[in-house]
Amino acid sequence: MARRKTKSRSKSRSRIPLLLWLFTLFSGGGGVGGYLNPDWPIIGPIVTSLIHWRQENPDVALDGNLIRQAVNDEIHNATNAVVNQIRPNTNPYEQTSYGQNASIQNGQVVPAQYAAARGQNNSSQHSTNRRPIDKLLIATFNIQVFGKSKMAKPEVVDVLAKVVRHFDLVAIQEVRAQDDNILPDFIRAINADGSQYGFIIGPRIGRTSSTEQYVYVFDQTRVEYDPNAVGTMTDPSDMLHREPFVARFRARTGSPQHAFTFWMVNTHTDPDEVPQEVAALADAFEVMQRSRKDEDDVILLGDLNADETQMGRLGTIPAMGWVVRGAMTNTRKNKAYDNILFSTTTTREFTGRWGVFDIEKTFGLTRQQALAVSDHLPVWAEFSVWEAPTANRSVVPR
């Protein structure tokens, strides 16, 4: 955990209002205005084409046949463009039916980068570390100052790769590098045994020149993400040093319509402003809960720099629960900084199993060797791969 100098802030500023959180995600079923954004693929060119046609033909009626022709032409053009730009797909998990393959971008959100594992060894040594097939193991891990220096240490990279392979989905904080090859190189190390992990990485954010990135690393044979539901939350009242990075995921199952879907909210609070930032995360969590009518599962996780007694207003959200209780999450084992939070009434997919992954004990490291990996330990929780039934859902067949 790195402490950072903060800029002064008026003590009289009220907490960030819920309605001022501008959540500009690329999710299906978003606002009507989203469908009219000229920058969006396929839909955008159609809108632009119809606008240009109307400007050139102000006196001609725009009937159904003309609209259909414009739609067909633009879909044909967009399809050809996508085919020409995408490299041959050797990975069966790269193209996903969850959401759309083309990433929709909006100028108000810095788009995430995504890298699937391409051309990896299809060895039978693919490591799942005996992960249960009907459960998802989701973890959060602050890899202290993860950048070029740490990637230059093979023994550290080896431990980090082994840690990731224990889980299906890992939210990573504190990637601090100007080199865009850090994550692709890390993924290659993870997949050296034949695994098929990919990643989504957010923009560099922070108030100082020492910016950080959030990352999701996930086993593509077990989890898929919706590229139209990925983005960085905006913070108009500037309550957070690093705005949460969010993405929507779905467990890969033989029955996708019954699979567990959920939002992930990756966060790292500033250690000098924990009460204010944890309070702001309460608003962020509630915004995520209301962001889609078809999604009620929100998992907020990361380095909160707060233990279970410091949850403040975040902990008072009705039915809010968190997994780490009575345990230390730093490598020195004297502080609890990291946690995984969700609503216990809606996210009933949680099985009750969780833990703090002891890197030192698991890999037989000395304390100094473990600290070279990170000053934090991974925290994990287990969830069913099946969507839990609610009042609005039927019971999932098994």
Protein backbone atom coordinates (compact mmCIF):
# COMPACT_ATOMS: atom_id res chain seq x y z
CA MET A 1 0.00 0.00 0.00
CA ALA A 2 1.56 3.25 -1.08
CA ARG A 3 0.69 6.46 0.77
CA ARG A 4 0.17 9.45 -1.44
CA LYS A 5 0.13 13.19 -0.88
CA THR A 6 -3.37 14.55 -1.34
CA LYS A 7 -4.57 17.89 -2.47
CA SER A 8 -6.52 19.99 0.03
CA ARG A 9 -10.26 19.60 0.12
CA SER A 10 -12.99 21.67 1.68
CA LYS A 11 -14.28 19.99 4.82
CA SER A 12 -17.70 21.47 4.19
CA ARG A 13 -18.20 19.59 0.96
CA SER A 14 -21.20 17.36 1.24
CA ARG A 15 -21.02 13.71 0.30
CA ILE A 16 -21.36 12.93 -3.36
CA PRO A 17 -25.05 12.83 -4.30
CA LEU A 18 -26.22 9.58 -5.77
CA LEU A 19 -27.70 11.21 -8.84
CA LEU A 20 -24.43 13.01 -9.63
CA TRP A 21 -22.61 9.75 -10.17
CA LEU A 22 -22.49 9.57 -13.95
CA PHE A 23 -22.34 5.92 -14.79
CA THR A 24 -21.58 5.82 -18.52
CA LEU A 25 -21.36 2.13 -19.27
CA PHE A 26 -21.87 0.40 -22.57
CA SER A 27 -24.59 -1.96 -21.44
CA GLY A 28 -27.43 -3.38 -23.45
CA GLY A 29 -30.69 -1.86 -22.34
CA GLY A 30 -29.02 1.42 -21.38
CA GLY A 31 -30.61 4.77 -22.15
CA VAL A 32 -32.38 5.64 -25.37
CA GLY A 33 -29.76 8.30 -26.01
CA GLY A 34 -27.12 5.61 -26.27
CA TYR A 35 -28.73 4.11 -29.31
CA LEU A 36 -28.52 7.46 -31.07
CA ASN A 37 -24.79 8.00 -30.49
CA PRO A 38 -23.20 8.48 -33.97
CA ASP A 39 -19.90 7.10 -32.66
CA TRP A 40 -21.33 3.67 -31.92
CA PRO A 41 -20.59 0.85 -34.37
CA ILE A 42 -23.35 -0.24 -36.78
CA ILE A 43 -26.05 1.87 -35.11
CA GLY A 44 -23.92 5.02 -35.30
CA PRO A 45 -23.32 4.85 -39.07
CA ILE A 46 -27.01 4.18 -39.64
CA VAL A 47 -27.97 7.29 -37.68
CA THR A 48 -25.30 9.33 -39.46
CA SER A 49 -26.42 8.03 -42.86
CA LEU A 50 -30.05 8.94 -42.19
CA ILE A 51 -29.06 12.41 -40.92
CA HIS A 52 -27.01 13.10 -44.04
CA TRP A 53 -29.78 11.80 -46.29
CA ARG A 54 -32.31 14.10 -44.60
CA GLN A 55 -29.99 17.10 -45.01
CA GLU A 56 -29.60 16.37 -48.72
CA ASN A 57 -33.27 15.52 -49.28
CA PRO A 58 -35.29 17.79 -46.97
CA ASP A 59 -38.48 17.52 -49.05
CA VAL A 60 -38.58 13.76 -49.56
CA ALA A 61 -40.54 11.55 -47.17
CA LEU A 62 -38.40 9.11 -45.17
CA ASP A 63 -40.42 5.90 -45.54
CA GLY A 64 -39.85 2.39 -44.24
CA ASN A 65 -38.17 1.11 -47.41
CA LEU A 66 -35.49 3.82 -47.29
CA ILE A 67 -34.82 3.12 -43.59
CA ARG A 68 -34.52 -0.63 -44.24
CA GLN A 69 -32.12 0.00 -47.12
CA ALA A 70 -29.92 2.24 -44.95
CA VAL A 71 -29.86 -0.35 -42.18
CA ASN A 72 -28.95 -3.19 -44.56
CA ASP A 73 -26.19 -1.17 -46.25
CA GLU A 74 -24.56 -0.10 -42.98
CA ILE A 75 -24.75 -3.58 -41.44
CA HIS A 76 -23.09 -4.98 -44.57
CA ASN A 77 -20.35 -2.33 -44.43
CA ALA A 78 -19.78 -2.83 -40.71
CA THR A 79 -19.57 -6.61 -41.08
CA ASN A 80 -16.94 -6.31 -43.81
CA ALA A 81 -14.93 -3.85 -41.71
CA VAL A 82 -14.94 -6.16 -38.71
CA VAL A 83 -13.94 -9.18 -40.80
CA ASN A 84 -11.05 -7.23 -42.31
CA GLN A 85 -9.74 -6.06 -38.93
CA ILE A 86 -9.99 -9.21 -36.80
CA ARG A 87 -7.10 -11.67 -36.96
CA PRO A 88 -7.90 -15.37 -37.42
CA ASN A 89 -9.28 -16.72 -34.16
CA THR A 90 -7.37 -19.70 -32.82
CA ASN A 91 -8.87 -19.44 -29.37
CA PRO A 92 -12.41 -20.83 -29.01
CA TYR A 93 -12.99 -18.65 -25.95
CA GLU A 94 -11.97 -15.35 -27.48
CA GLN A 95 -15.18 -14.63 -29.36
CA THR A 96 -18.00 -14.48 -26.85
CA SER A 97 -21.74 -14.67 -27.34
CA TYR A 98 -22.17 -12.70 -24.13
CA GLY A 99 -22.90 -9.13 -25.20
CA GLN A 100 -21.37 -8.26 -28.56
CA ASN A 101 -17.89 -8.85 -29.93
CA ALA A 102 -17.39 -5.25 -31.08
CA SER A 103 -16.56 -2.89 -28.23
CA ILE A 104 -18.80 0.16 -28.11
CA GLN A 105 -16.97 3.30 -27.10
CA ASN A 106 -18.23 6.54 -25.64
CA GLY A 107 -16.18 9.71 -25.37
CA GLN A 108 -17.06 10.12 -21.68
CA VAL A 109 -15.45 6.83 -20.68
CA VAL A 110 -11.91 5.76 -21.39
CA PRO A 111 -12.41 2.36 -23.04
CA ALA A 112 -10.79 -0.67 -21.51
CA GLN A 113 -8.24 -2.76 -23.33
CA TYR A 114 -8.84 -6.49 -23.72
CA ALA A 115 -6.37 -9.20 -24.59
CA ALA A 116 -7.34 -12.82 -25.04
CA ALA A 117 -4.72 -15.53 -24.93
CA ARG A 118 -3.81 -16.17 -28.56
CA GLY A 119 -1.98 -19.14 -29.93
CA GLN A 120 -1.30 -20.65 -26.53
CA ASN A 121 -0.18 -24.19 -25.96
CA ASN A 122 -3.24 -26.46 -25.83
CA SER A 123 -1.42 -28.72 -23.41
CA SER A 124 -3.34 -31.11 -21.20
CA GLN A 125 -1.45 -29.47 -18.33
CA HIS A 126 -4.02 -26.67 -18.29
CA SER A 127 -4.01 -25.81 -14.59
CA THR A 128 -7.25 -25.31 -12.71
CA ASN A 129 -5.67 -26.15 -9.35
CA ARG A 130 -8.62 -28.47 -8.75
CA ARG A 131 -11.11 -25.62 -8.86
CA PRO A 132 -14.69 -26.95 -8.47
CA ILE A 133 -16.48 -27.05 -11.82
CA ASP A 134 -19.79 -25.80 -10.40
CA LYS A 135 -18.25 -22.90 -8.45
CA LEU A 136 -16.42 -19.68 -9.29
CA LEU A 137 -13.45 -18.56 -7.22
CA ILE A 138 -13.25 -14.76 -7.35
CA ALA A 139 -10.31 -12.93 -5.82
CA THR A 140 -8.93 -9.45 -5.24
CA PHE A 141 -5.18 -8.79 -5.15
CA ASN A 142 -3.21 -5.57 -4.74
CA ILE A 143 0.10 -6.45 -6.44
CA GLN A 144 2.05 -3.63 -4.85
CA VAL A 145 3.58 -1.34 -7.55
CA PHE A 146 3.15 -3.94 -10.29
CA GLY A 147 5.28 -2.81 -13.20
CA LYS A 148 8.50 -3.28 -15.12
CA SER A 149 10.72 -3.81 -12.06
CA LYS A 150 8.57 -6.59 -10.64
CA MET A 151 8.15 -8.25 -14.05
CA ALA A 152 11.97 -8.34 -14.34
CA LYS A 153 12.15 -10.77 -11.40
CA PRO A 154 11.38 -14.31 -12.71
CA GLU A 155 10.92 -15.76 -9.22
CA VAL A 156 8.29 -13.11 -8.41
CA VAL A 157 6.47 -13.53 -11.73
CA ASP A 158 6.40 -17.30 -11.18
CA VAL A 159 4.69 -16.89 -7.81
CA LEU A 160 2.22 -14.33 -9.18
CA ALA A 161 1.30 -16.63 -12.08
CA LYS A 162 0.73 -19.54 -9.70
CA VAL A 163 -1.46 -17.36 -7.49
CA VAL A 164 -3.70 -16.32 -10.41
CA ARG A 165 -4.12 -19.94 -11.56
CA HIS A 166 -5.82 -20.75 -8.26
CA PHE A 167 -8.76 -18.51 -9.22
CA ASP A 168 -11.26 -18.05 -12.03
CA LEU A 169 -11.37 -14.25 -11.87
CA VAL A 170 -8.95 -11.87 -10.15
CA ALA A 171 -9.43 -8.11 -9.66
CA ILE A 172 -5.95 -6.55 -9.51
CA GLN A 173 -5.04 -3.14 -8.13
CA GLU A 174 -1.93 -0.98 -8.28
CA VAL A 175 -0.61 -1.72 -11.76
CA ARG A 176 1.85 1.13 -12.05
CA ALA A 177 3.69 1.14 -15.36
CA GLN A 178 3.99 3.22 -18.51
CA ASP A 179 4.84 0.11 -20.51
CA ASP A 180 1.73 -1.35 -22.16
CA ASN A 181 3.42 -4.77 -22.42
CA ILE A 182 3.30 -5.47 -18.68
CA LEU A 183 -0.07 -7.24 -18.74
CA PRO A 184 0.41 -9.14 -22.02
CA ASP A 185 3.76 -10.39 -20.69
CA PHE A 186 2.14 -11.38 -17.41
CA ILE A 187 -0.63 -13.25 -19.21
CA ARG A 188 1.96 -15.17 -21.22
CA ALA A 189 3.59 -16.23 -17.97
CA ILE A 190 0.25 -17.37 -16.54
CA ASN A 191 -0.59 -19.30 -19.69
CA ALA A 192 2.83 -20.96 -19.97
CA ASP A 193 1.30 -24.16 -18.56
CA GLY A 194 -1.48 -24.22 -21.15
CA SER A 195 -3.97 -22.12 -19.20
CA GLN A 196 -6.23 -19.77 -21.13
CA TYR A 197 -6.41 -16.54 -19.17
CA GLY A 198 -7.21 -13.14 -20.64
CA PHE A 199 -7.44 -9.67 -19.17
CA ILE A 200 -9.24 -6.34 -19.23
CA ILE A 201 -7.27 -3.28 -18.16
CA GLY A 202 -8.57 0.17 -17.32
CA PRO A 203 -7.04 3.58 -18.04
CA ARG A 204 -4.23 5.13 -16.01
CA ILE A 205 -5.88 7.20 -13.30
CA GLY A 206 -4.89 9.19 -10.23
CA ARG A 207 -4.37 12.76 -9.06
CA THR A 208 -0.59 12.72 -9.26
CA SER A 209 1.92 11.71 -11.90
CA SER A 210 2.12 8.29 -10.25
CA THR A 211 -1.00 6.87 -11.87
CA GLU A 212 -2.37 3.36 -11.51
CA GLN A 213 -4.49 0.94 -13.51
CA TYR A 214 -7.09 -1.60 -12.48
CA VAL A 215 -7.12 -5.03 -14.15
CA TYR A 216 -9.35 -8.07 -14.35
CA VAL A 217 -7.55 -11.34 -15.15
CA PHE A 218 -9.84 -14.27 -15.82
CA ASP A 219 -9.85 -17.88 -17.01
CA GLN A 220 -11.59 -17.71 -20.36
CA THR A 221 -12.71 -21.32 -20.10
CA ARG A 222 -14.64 -20.46 -16.95
CA VAL A 223 -15.75 -16.84 -17.27
CA GLU A 224 -16.70 -14.44 -20.06
CA TYR A 225 -17.26 -10.71 -19.99
CA ASP A 226 -19.60 -8.36 -21.82
CA PRO A 227 -17.48 -5.83 -23.80
CA ASN A 228 -20.48 -3.52 -23.88
CA ALA A 229 -20.53 -3.36 -20.08
CA VAL A 230 -17.01 -2.24 -19.21
CA GLY A 231 -15.87 1.19 -18.08
CA THR A 232 -14.51 3.54 -15.46
CA MET A 233 -17.06 5.28 -13.24
CA THR A 234 -16.90 9.07 -13.34
CA ASP A 235 -16.68 11.08 -10.14
CA PRO A 236 -17.88 14.66 -10.77
CA SER A 237 -17.39 15.71 -7.14
CA ASP A 238 -13.83 14.34 -7.13
CA MET A 239 -14.33 12.26 -4.00
CA LEU A 240 -12.02 9.43 -5.08
CA HIS A 241 -8.38 9.40 -6.11
CA ARG A 242 -8.99 6.42 -8.36
CA GLU A 243 -12.51 5.92 -9.72
CA PRO A 244 -13.76 2.30 -9.70
CA PHE A 245 -13.28 0.16 -12.79
CA VAL A 246 -16.36 -1.94 -13.55
CA ALA A 247 -17.16 -4.87 -15.82
CA ARG A 248 -19.98 -7.36 -16.14
CA PHE A 249 -19.15 -11.07 -16.23
CA ARG A 250 -20.95 -14.36 -16.72
CA ALA A 251 -19.94 -17.86 -15.68
CA ARG A 252 -19.41 -20.22 -18.61
CA THR A 253 -21.84 -23.12 -18.29
CA GLY A 254 -23.69 -25.56 -20.51
CA SER A 255 -26.82 -23.45 -19.97
CA PRO A 256 -25.83 -19.79 -20.48
CA GLN A 257 -29.34 -18.48 -19.80
CA HIS A 258 -29.09 -19.87 -16.26
CA ALA A 259 -25.48 -18.86 -15.59
CA PHE A 260 -24.46 -16.49 -12.80
CA THR A 261 -24.01 -12.94 -14.12
CA PHE A 262 -22.63 -10.11 -12.03
CA TRP A 263 -20.99 -6.70 -11.93
CA MET A 264 -17.45 -6.41 -10.60
CA VAL A 265 -16.45 -3.06 -9.07
CA ASN A 266 -12.67 -2.87 -8.67
CA THR A 267 -11.49 -0.20 -6.23
CA HIS A 268 -8.42 1.12 -4.38
CA THR A 269 -8.99 3.87 -1.83
CA ASP A 270 -6.38 6.42 -0.80
CA PRO A 271 -4.96 5.61 2.66
CA ASP A 272 -5.09 9.27 3.73
CA GLU A 273 -8.82 9.70 2.99
CA VAL A 274 -10.34 6.36 3.88
CA PRO A 275 -13.57 7.55 5.58
CA GLN A 276 -14.46 9.95 2.75
CA GLU A 277 -13.63 7.46 0.00
CA VAL A 278 -15.40 4.50 1.62
CA ALA A 279 -18.49 6.73 1.98
CA ALA A 280 -18.26 7.62 -1.73
CA LEU A 281 -18.10 3.90 -2.56
CA ALA A 282 -21.53 3.53 -0.95
CA ASP A 283 -22.93 5.80 -3.67
CA ALA A 284 -20.98 3.93 -6.33
CA PHE A 285 -22.37 0.60 -5.13
CA GLU A 286 -25.96 1.86 -5.16
CA VAL A 287 -25.51 3.29 -8.66
CA MET A 288 -24.31 -0.10 -9.85
CA GLN A 289 -27.30 -1.81 -8.24
CA ARG A 290 -29.63 0.41 -10.27
CA SER A 291 -27.65 0.47 -13.51
CA ARG A 292 -29.52 -2.40 -15.18
CA LYS A 293 -32.95 -3.87 -14.61
CA ASP A 294 -31.68 -7.29 -15.66
CA GLU A 295 -28.78 -7.41 -13.18
CA ASP A 296 -29.03 -7.46 -9.38
CA ASP A 297 -25.60 -8.84 -8.47
CA VAL A 298 -22.87 -6.33 -7.65
CA ILE A 299 -19.53 -7.42 -6.18
CA LEU A 300 -17.37 -4.56 -4.92
CA LEU A 301 -13.85 -5.66 -4.11
CA GLY A 302 -10.33 -4.38 -3.76
CA ASP A 303 -7.98 -2.57 -1.41
CA LEU A 304 -10.26 -0.47 0.77
CA ASN A 305 -7.55 0.39 3.31
CA ALA A 306 -10.31 -0.32 5.82
CA ASP A 307 -11.11 -3.21 8.10
CA GLU A 308 -14.57 -4.50 8.99
CA THR A 309 -15.07 -1.80 11.63
CA GLN A 310 -14.37 1.02 9.17
CA MET A 311 -17.04 0.39 6.55
CA GLY A 312 -18.98 3.52 7.51
CA ARG A 313 -21.95 4.29 5.29
CA LEU A 314 -20.93 1.55 2.86
CA GLY A 315 -21.57 -0.98 5.61
CA THR A 316 -25.00 0.45 6.39
CA ILE A 317 -26.47 -0.21 2.93
CA PRO A 318 -29.37 -2.62 3.54
CA ALA A 319 -28.23 -6.27 3.49
CA MET A 320 -24.62 -5.31 2.74
CA GLY A 321 -22.20 -8.10 3.60
CA TRP A 322 -18.46 -8.65 3.36
CA VAL A 323 -16.34 -11.77 3.62
CA VAL A 324 -13.24 -10.78 5.61
CA ARG A 325 -13.95 -10.80 9.33
CA GLY A 326 -11.36 -11.31 12.01
CA ALA A 327 -8.53 -11.90 9.55
CA MET A 328 -5.50 -9.93 8.39
CA THR A 329 -4.99 -9.36 4.67
CA ASN A 330 -1.50 -7.85 4.46
CA THR A 331 1.67 -9.89 4.10
CA ARG A 332 2.92 -8.86 7.54
CA LYS A 333 -0.41 -10.12 8.91
CA ASN A 334 -1.13 -7.16 11.13
CA LYS A 335 -3.69 -5.19 9.07
CA ALA A 336 -6.97 -5.85 7.24
CA TYR A 337 -7.11 -3.73 4.11
CA ASP A 338 -8.78 -5.88 1.42
CA ASN A 339 -12.30 -7.21 1.19
CA ILE A 340 -15.14 -8.44 -1.03
CA LEU A 341 -18.60 -6.90 -0.53
CA PHE A 342 -22.06 -7.64 -1.93
CA SER A 343 -25.73 -7.67 -1.02
CA THR A 344 -26.59 -10.81 0.92
CA THR A 345 -30.20 -10.71 -0.27
CA THR A 346 -29.50 -10.51 -3.99
CA THR A 347 -26.11 -12.22 -4.36
CA ARG A 348 -27.19 -15.52 -2.88
CA GLU A 349 -24.78 -17.27 -5.22
CA PHE A 350 -22.14 -16.81 -2.49
CA THR A 351 -21.52 -20.25 -0.98
CA GLY A 352 -20.19 -18.98 2.34
CA ARG A 353 -16.61 -20.05 1.55
CA TRP A 354 -13.87 -17.41 1.54
CA GLY A 355 -10.28 -17.02 2.57
CA VAL A 356 -7.06 -15.05 2.64
CA PHE A 357 -4.51 -16.74 0.38
CA ASP A 358 -1.29 -17.12 2.40
CA ILE A 359 1.45 -16.76 -0.23
CA GLU A 360 4.21 -17.28 2.33
CA LYS A 361 2.81 -20.58 3.60
CA THR A 362 1.49 -21.89 0.27
CA PHE A 363 4.78 -21.54 -1.60
CA GLY A 364 7.19 -21.98 1.31
CA LEU A 365 8.56 -18.43 1.09
CA THR A 366 10.36 -16.38 3.68
CA ARG A 367 8.69 -13.19 4.83
CA GLN A 368 11.08 -11.12 2.69
CA GLN A 369 10.42 -13.27 -0.37
CA ALA A 370 6.66 -12.87 0.15
CA LEU A 371 7.04 -9.10 0.52
CA ALA A 372 8.91 -9.02 -2.80
CA VAL A 373 5.70 -10.35 -4.37
CA SER A 374 3.41 -7.85 -2.61
CA ASP A 375 2.65 -6.31 0.76
CA HIS A 376 -0.93 -7.56 0.32
CA LEU A 377 -2.36 -11.09 0.26
CA PRO A 378 -5.13 -12.17 -2.14
CA VAL A 379 -8.63 -12.39 -0.68
CA TRP A 380 -11.09 -14.77 -2.32
CA ALA A 381 -14.73 -15.86 -2.17
CA GLU A 382 -16.63 -18.72 -3.75
CA PHE A 383 -19.84 -18.35 -5.77
CA SER A 384 -22.11 -20.79 -7.59
CA VAL A 385 -21.88 -20.76 -11.39
CA TRP A 386 -25.70 -20.80 -11.46
CA GLU A 387 -27.89 -17.75 -11.00
CA ALA A 388 -29.74 -18.02 -7.71
CA PRO A 389 -33.54 -17.86 -8.02
CA THR A 390 -35.30 -14.73 -6.80
CA ALA A 391 -38.90 -13.54 -6.84
CA ASN A 392 -38.41 -12.61 -10.49
CA ARG A 393 -36.60 -15.79 -11.51
CA SER A 394 -37.58 -19.40 -11.88
CA VAL A 395 -35.63 -22.13 -10.16
CA VAL A 396 -32.54 -23.05 -12.16
CA PRO A 397 -32.58 -26.65 -13.39
CA ARG A 398 -29.56 -28.70 -12.38
